């Protein structure tokens, strides 16, 4: 009886994933300004705008800025945190990390890297009942390109993918990838001087990660003033996503080592109950470049959309300068 039930559940799960892949191949859950395009963008996209109803949803949000000591103690990401007794250091930390981010963006070159995306999909009810035994998994490999594109004096990036030969992606390149996630190089822009005014901040204390002592700073975007927004694109429609989260900032160098974000408020109006991302930054010297850059090496994104659990794990490697060359051939 148990085997029959398990086999039936497996068949139902495969059918559900197959239909879901057809329906959501164009989903893009983005943690920065732009939706991931299939080819290098030629024209700047107009900025995303919050609708009045979205502003109301986010204005009512409960954020980590107002967490109680008990909520901080219960937070699984803040294990062994040494809590701060005041906010006296917050202004200094924001100023120093702002200076560091400005220096990082200054003369930032065009970068290419290899990207491996490990994608998993599973209905939440089966995940709760059977664990991971009916999980659908896919592995994709891409070339990932990062291009600095400041808007006036505001730092910004464009990030896109090609295949491993540098060709634009087509539908077959994304086959089996039900959720497309991108734009994580720019995650630290939440802490840039140009964007700090658009969030509320709180200094939580000191915590050690990767053998480095870090200031832990929480932030929550302000819906009426932020410009740095995310996007969920479903069936040609775009929804603006705002986030809150935690940043781990090296107490000596004021480099950002990790940023973890989650939705400022659940978007149950569109079926998005949760979305979290964890971006780990490491020092990298790209091939052909003399300076060290702090770039994402590992990124994990999890979403609960329509009762389906999605998880993309990204790994970036083989960083190098990106150059575009062209050849003019005479018409025969």
Protein backbone atom coordinates (compact mmCIF):
# COMPACT_ATOMS: atom_id res chain seq x y z
CA UNK A 1 0.00 0.00 0.00
CA UNK A 2 2.81 2.40 0.91
CA UNK A 3 4.62 1.79 -2.37
CA UNK A 4 1.41 2.31 -4.36
CA UNK A 5 0.78 5.64 -2.62
CA UNK A 6 4.37 6.75 -3.19
CA UNK A 7 4.27 5.80 -6.88
CA UNK A 8 0.97 7.64 -7.34
CA UNK A 9 2.42 10.73 -5.66
CA UNK A 10 5.50 10.56 -7.88
CA UNK A 11 3.34 10.44 -11.05
CA UNK A 12 1.22 13.37 -9.85
CA UNK A 13 4.34 15.35 -8.98
CA UNK A 14 5.92 14.80 -12.40
CA UNK A 15 2.69 15.83 -14.11
CA UNK A 16 2.47 18.94 -11.94
CA UNK A 17 6.08 19.94 -12.60
CA UNK A 18 5.63 19.40 -16.35
CA UNK A 19 2.60 21.67 -16.47
CA UNK A 20 4.29 24.18 -14.20
CA UNK A 21 7.35 24.37 -16.44
CA UNK A 22 5.15 25.21 -19.42
CA UNK A 23 3.35 27.89 -17.43
CA UNK A 24 6.30 29.52 -15.70
CA UNK A 25 9.27 29.30 -18.04
CA UNK A 26 9.22 33.10 -18.27
CA UNK A 27 9.22 33.69 -14.52
CA UNK A 28 12.06 35.92 -13.41
CA UNK A 29 12.56 36.53 -9.69
CA UNK A 30 15.07 39.35 -9.55
CA UNK A 31 16.82 40.89 -6.58
CA UNK A 32 17.97 44.06 -8.31
CA UNK A 33 16.96 46.61 -10.90
CA UNK A 34 16.54 44.72 -14.14
CA UNK A 35 14.94 41.54 -15.37
CA UNK A 36 17.52 39.12 -16.73
CA UNK A 37 17.43 39.44 -20.54
CA UNK A 38 18.33 36.73 -23.05
CA UNK A 39 20.81 39.00 -24.84
CA UNK A 40 22.78 42.15 -24.02
CA UNK A 41 20.30 45.01 -23.52
CA UNK A 42 20.41 47.65 -26.24
CA UNK A 43 18.14 50.25 -24.68
CA UNK A 44 17.69 51.20 -21.03
CA UNK A 45 14.44 49.97 -19.55
CA UNK A 46 12.16 52.49 -17.86
CA UNK A 47 12.39 52.26 -14.07
CA UNK A 48 9.87 50.05 -12.34
CA UNK A 49 7.21 51.93 -10.40
CA UNK A 50 5.22 50.86 -7.36
CA UNK A 51 1.46 51.05 -7.77
CA UNK A 52 -0.62 52.71 -5.02
CA UNK A 53 -1.90 49.28 -3.92
CA UNK A 54 1.66 47.93 -3.69
CA UNK A 55 2.73 50.93 -1.61
CA UNK A 56 -0.10 50.20 0.83
CA UNK A 57 0.91 46.52 1.08
CA UNK A 58 4.50 47.45 1.92
CA UNK A 59 3.64 50.34 4.26
CA UNK A 60 1.77 47.88 6.52
CA UNK A 61 4.73 45.47 6.65
CA UNK A 62 6.25 44.30 9.92
CA UNK A 63 10.02 44.60 9.58
CA UNK A 64 13.13 43.41 11.36
CA UNK A 65 13.88 47.02 12.30
CA UNK A 66 11.27 46.61 15.05
CA UNK A 67 12.23 43.12 16.21
CA UNK A 68 12.09 42.47 19.94
CA UNK A 69 15.07 40.95 21.80
CA UNK A 70 13.22 37.63 21.76
CA UNK A 71 12.77 37.75 17.98
CA UNK A 72 16.47 38.49 17.55
CA UNK A 73 17.39 35.61 19.83
CA UNK A 74 15.12 33.23 17.88
CA UNK A 75 16.46 34.26 14.45
CA UNK A 76 18.37 31.26 13.00
CA UNK A 77 20.76 33.51 11.04
CA UNK A 78 21.92 35.32 14.20
CA UNK A 79 23.30 32.38 16.17
CA UNK A 80 26.05 33.53 18.56
CA UNK A 81 25.33 37.19 17.83
CA UNK A 82 26.79 39.60 20.38
CA UNK A 83 23.91 42.08 20.56
CA UNK A 84 24.56 45.79 20.64
CA UNK A 85 23.25 47.85 23.53
CA UNK A 86 22.68 50.96 21.43
CA UNK A 87 22.68 52.35 17.90
CA UNK A 88 25.74 54.54 18.51
CA UNK A 89 27.86 52.71 15.90
CA UNK A 90 25.23 52.61 13.15
CA UNK A 91 26.09 55.97 11.54
CA UNK A 92 29.81 55.11 11.49
CA UNK A 93 29.22 51.66 9.97
CA UNK A 94 26.93 53.05 7.25
CA UNK A 95 29.41 55.78 6.41
CA UNK A 96 32.36 53.38 6.18
CA UNK A 97 30.52 50.71 4.16
CA UNK A 98 29.24 53.49 1.88
CA UNK A 99 32.81 54.62 1.27
CA UNK A 100 33.89 51.05 0.56
CA UNK A 101 31.05 50.50 -1.91
CA UNK A 102 31.89 53.74 -3.71
CA UNK A 103 35.51 52.65 -4.12
CA UNK A 104 34.40 49.21 -5.31
CA UNK A 105 32.20 50.67 -8.03
CA UNK A 106 34.84 53.19 -9.14
CA UNK A 107 36.51 51.89 -12.32
CA UNK A 108 34.56 48.60 -12.02
CA UNK A 109 35.28 46.77 -15.32
CA UNK A 110 33.05 44.58 -17.43
CA UNK A 111 33.29 41.05 -15.98
CA UNK A 112 32.43 37.61 -17.32
CA UNK A 113 32.29 34.38 -15.33
CA UNK A 114 31.10 30.82 -15.60
CA UNK A 115 27.80 30.21 -13.85
CA UNK A 116 26.30 26.92 -12.76
CA UNK A 117 22.66 26.95 -11.66
CA UNK A 118 21.32 24.01 -9.70
CA UNK A 119 17.51 24.32 -9.85
CA UNK A 120 15.05 22.38 -7.67
CA UNK A 121 11.26 22.36 -7.69
CA UNK A 122 8.76 20.64 -5.44
CA UNK A 123 5.16 21.08 -4.26
CA UNK A 124 5.18 22.13 -0.63
CA UNK A 125 2.64 19.51 0.45
CA UNK A 126 4.80 16.69 -0.94
CA UNK A 127 7.90 18.26 0.58
CA UNK A 128 6.24 18.21 4.00
CA UNK A 129 4.98 14.64 3.59
CA UNK A 130 7.79 12.89 1.76
CA UNK A 131 10.82 15.13 2.26
CA UNK A 132 12.93 15.46 -0.89
CA UNK A 133 12.16 12.14 -2.55
CA UNK A 134 9.99 13.70 -5.30
CA UNK A 135 12.16 16.73 -5.94
CA UNK A 136 12.72 17.74 -9.57
CA UNK A 137 16.29 18.89 -10.23
CA UNK A 138 18.02 20.52 -13.19
CA UNK A 139 21.59 21.75 -13.71
CA UNK A 140 22.34 24.54 -16.19
CA UNK A 141 25.63 26.18 -17.20
CA UNK A 142 25.92 29.71 -18.58
CA UNK A 143 28.33 32.54 -19.24
CA UNK A 144 27.38 35.37 -16.86
CA UNK A 145 28.22 38.98 -17.77
CA UNK A 146 28.26 42.00 -15.45
CA UNK A 147 28.45 45.52 -16.90
CA UNK A 148 28.51 48.70 -14.79
CA UNK A 149 25.85 51.12 -16.03
CA UNK A 150 25.62 54.15 -13.70
CA UNK A 151 22.49 56.27 -14.00
CA UNK A 152 23.90 59.75 -13.54
CA UNK A 153 25.84 59.60 -10.29
CA UNK A 154 23.89 56.55 -9.06
CA UNK A 155 25.78 53.22 -9.40
CA UNK A 156 23.96 50.44 -11.23
CA UNK A 157 24.73 47.23 -13.11
CA UNK A 158 23.32 45.29 -16.04
CA UNK A 159 23.69 41.52 -15.72
CA UNK A 160 22.78 38.95 -18.34
CA UNK A 161 23.52 35.44 -19.53
CA UNK A 162 24.72 33.79 -22.71
CA UNK A 163 25.52 30.18 -23.50
CA UNK A 164 29.08 28.98 -22.89
CA UNK A 165 30.09 30.10 -26.41
CA UNK A 166 28.80 33.63 -25.88
CA UNK A 167 25.61 33.21 -27.94
CA UNK A 168 22.28 34.74 -26.81
CA UNK A 169 20.02 32.32 -24.97
CA UNK A 170 16.95 30.84 -26.56
CA UNK A 171 14.06 28.82 -25.10
CA UNK A 172 15.94 25.55 -25.39
CA UNK A 173 18.82 26.97 -23.30
CA UNK A 174 16.40 27.52 -20.41
CA UNK A 175 14.49 24.26 -20.76
CA UNK A 176 13.76 22.83 -17.32
CA UNK A 177 14.61 26.07 -15.50
CA UNK A 178 11.23 27.02 -14.04
CA UNK A 179 12.46 30.06 -12.12
CA UNK A 180 15.03 32.46 -13.56
CA UNK A 181 16.96 34.42 -10.94
CA UNK A 182 19.69 36.96 -11.51
CA UNK A 183 21.26 40.36 -10.71
CA UNK A 184 23.13 39.57 -7.51
CA UNK A 185 26.37 41.43 -8.13
CA UNK A 186 24.53 44.65 -7.28
CA UNK A 187 22.98 43.41 -4.03
CA UNK A 188 25.44 45.47 -1.97
CA UNK A 189 23.97 48.64 -3.55
CA UNK A 190 21.36 48.59 -0.77
CA UNK A 191 24.24 49.97 1.33
CA UNK A 192 25.63 52.48 -1.18
CA UNK A 193 25.47 56.19 -0.25
CA UNK A 194 23.06 56.82 -3.15
CA UNK A 195 20.55 54.27 -1.81
CA UNK A 196 20.91 54.44 1.98
CA UNK A 197 18.27 57.15 2.21
CA UNK A 198 15.68 54.70 0.83
CA UNK A 199 15.89 52.20 3.72
CA UNK A 200 15.62 52.10 7.49
CA UNK A 201 18.62 50.59 9.24
CA UNK A 202 19.40 48.96 12.56
CA UNK A 203 22.69 47.78 14.07
CA UNK A 204 22.10 44.34 15.60
CA UNK A 205 25.56 43.61 16.95
CA UNK A 206 28.71 41.63 16.13
CA UNK A 207 28.85 38.13 14.67
CA UNK A 208 31.68 36.03 13.24
CA UNK A 209 31.29 34.44 9.80
CA UNK A 210 34.06 32.85 7.70
CA UNK A 211 36.46 33.63 10.57
CA UNK A 212 35.82 37.36 10.21
CA UNK A 213 34.22 39.55 12.87
CA UNK A 214 31.33 41.43 11.28
CA UNK A 215 28.90 44.20 12.07
CA UNK A 216 25.40 42.88 11.46
CA UNK A 217 23.17 45.60 10.04
CA UNK A 218 19.50 45.15 9.25
CA UNK A 219 17.69 47.15 6.59
CA UNK A 220 14.13 47.53 5.33
CA UNK A 221 13.24 49.40 2.17
CA UNK A 222 10.94 52.41 2.36
CA UNK A 223 8.18 51.97 -0.26
CA UNK A 224 7.70 55.69 -0.90
CA UNK A 225 11.34 56.57 -1.52
CA UNK A 226 13.25 53.54 -2.82
CA UNK A 227 14.59 53.31 -6.37
CA UNK A 228 16.42 50.00 -5.98
CA UNK A 229 13.62 47.48 -6.55
CA UNK A 230 13.22 43.86 -7.55
CA UNK A 231 10.87 42.38 -10.09
CA UNK A 232 8.82 39.25 -10.51
CA UNK A 233 7.76 38.73 -14.11
CA UNK A 234 4.99 36.25 -14.82
CA UNK A 235 3.36 35.82 -18.23
CA UNK A 236 4.56 39.22 -19.39
CA UNK A 237 3.37 41.08 -16.29
CA UNK A 238 5.81 42.67 -13.84
CA UNK A 239 5.36 42.98 -10.09
CA UNK A 240 7.62 45.16 -7.95
CA UNK A 241 9.26 43.43 -5.00
CA UNK A 242 10.69 45.26 -1.99
CA UNK A 243 12.85 43.54 0.59
CA UNK A 244 14.26 43.65 4.07
CA UNK A 245 17.34 41.84 5.23
CA UNK A 246 20.67 41.59 7.00
CA UNK A 247 24.17 42.54 5.90
CA UNK A 248 27.37 41.15 7.42
CA UNK A 249 30.05 43.86 7.12
CA UNK A 250 33.69 43.11 7.97
CA UNK A 251 34.56 45.19 11.04
CA UNK A 252 38.11 45.83 9.78
CA UNK A 253 37.74 46.39 6.03
CA UNK A 254 34.01 47.29 5.87
CA UNK A 255 33.57 45.00 2.89
CA UNK A 256 30.21 43.26 2.63
CA UNK A 257 30.70 39.51 3.13
CA UNK A 258 27.07 38.40 3.01
CA UNK A 259 23.62 39.81 2.39
CA UNK A 260 20.45 37.89 3.18
CA UNK A 261 17.12 39.31 2.03
CA UNK A 262 13.46 38.34 2.21
CA UNK A 263 10.25 40.03 1.13
CA UNK A 264 9.30 43.24 2.89
CA UNK A 265 5.77 41.83 2.86
CA UNK A 266 4.32 38.59 1.40
CA UNK A 267 2.68 39.13 -1.98
CA UNK A 268 -0.27 36.82 -1.43
CA UNK A 269 -2.20 38.95 -3.94
CA UNK A 270 -0.15 37.26 -6.70
CA UNK A 271 0.52 33.95 -4.94
CA UNK A 272 4.07 34.72 -3.79
CA UNK A 273 4.15 33.77 -0.11
CA UNK A 274 7.91 34.09 0.41
CA UNK A 275 11.20 34.67 -1.33
CA UNK A 276 14.61 34.67 0.33
CA UNK A 277 18.09 35.09 -1.09
CA UNK A 278 21.54 34.64 0.39
CA UNK A 279 24.48 36.20 -1.46
CA UNK A 280 28.05 35.46 -0.34
CA UNK A 281 30.76 37.82 -1.59
CA UNK A 282 34.43 36.87 -1.91
CA UNK A 283 37.58 38.72 -3.01
CA UNK A 284 38.30 37.91 -6.66
CA UNK A 285 41.06 39.05 -9.01
CA UNK A 286 39.58 38.50 -12.50
CA UNK A 287 41.97 37.26 -15.15
CA UNK A 288 43.42 40.25 -16.98
CA UNK A 289 42.69 42.70 -14.17
CA UNK A 290 45.10 43.95 -11.52
CA UNK A 291 42.66 44.88 -8.77
CA UNK A 292 40.71 42.69 -6.38
CA UNK A 293 36.92 42.91 -6.66
CA UNK A 294 34.33 41.63 -4.20
CA UNK A 295 31.94 39.51 -6.24
CA UNK A 296 29.24 36.91 -5.57
CA UNK A 297 30.56 33.37 -5.61
CA UNK A 298 27.59 31.53 -4.12
CA UNK A 299 23.92 32.56 -4.20
CA UNK A 300 20.84 30.68 -3.00
CA UNK A 301 17.29 31.80 -3.81
CA UNK A 302 14.18 30.10 -2.43
CA UNK A 303 10.58 30.99 -3.27
CA UNK A 304 7.13 29.75 -2.35
CA UNK A 305 4.94 30.60 -5.31
CA UNK A 306 1.46 29.13 -5.63
CA UNK A 307 2.24 26.33 -3.18
CA UNK A 308 5.36 25.30 -5.11
CA UNK A 309 8.84 25.46 -3.57
CA UNK A 310 11.52 26.72 -5.95
CA UNK A 311 15.23 26.80 -5.12
CA UNK A 312 18.05 28.02 -7.35
CA UNK A 313 21.65 27.63 -6.20
CA UNK A 314 24.15 29.66 -8.25
CA UNK A 315 27.90 29.17 -8.29
CA UNK A 316 30.21 31.59 -10.12
CA UNK A 317 33.82 30.86 -11.11
CA UNK A 318 36.52 31.60 -13.69
CA UNK A 319 36.15 35.38 -13.48
CA UNK A 320 37.76 37.37 -16.28
CA UNK A 321 37.55 40.73 -18.02
CA UNK A 322 34.78 40.85 -20.61
CA UNK A 323 35.60 42.42 -23.97
CA UNK A 324 33.47 42.71 -27.08
CA UNK A 325 35.13 42.62 -30.48
CA UNK A 326 33.61 42.94 -33.92
CA UNK A 327 34.75 42.27 -37.47
CA UNK A 328 33.58 44.14 -40.55
CA UNK A 329 33.38 41.97 -43.65
CA UNK A 330 32.94 43.35 -47.16
CA UNK A 331 29.70 42.51 -48.94
CA UNK A 332 30.34 39.94 -51.63
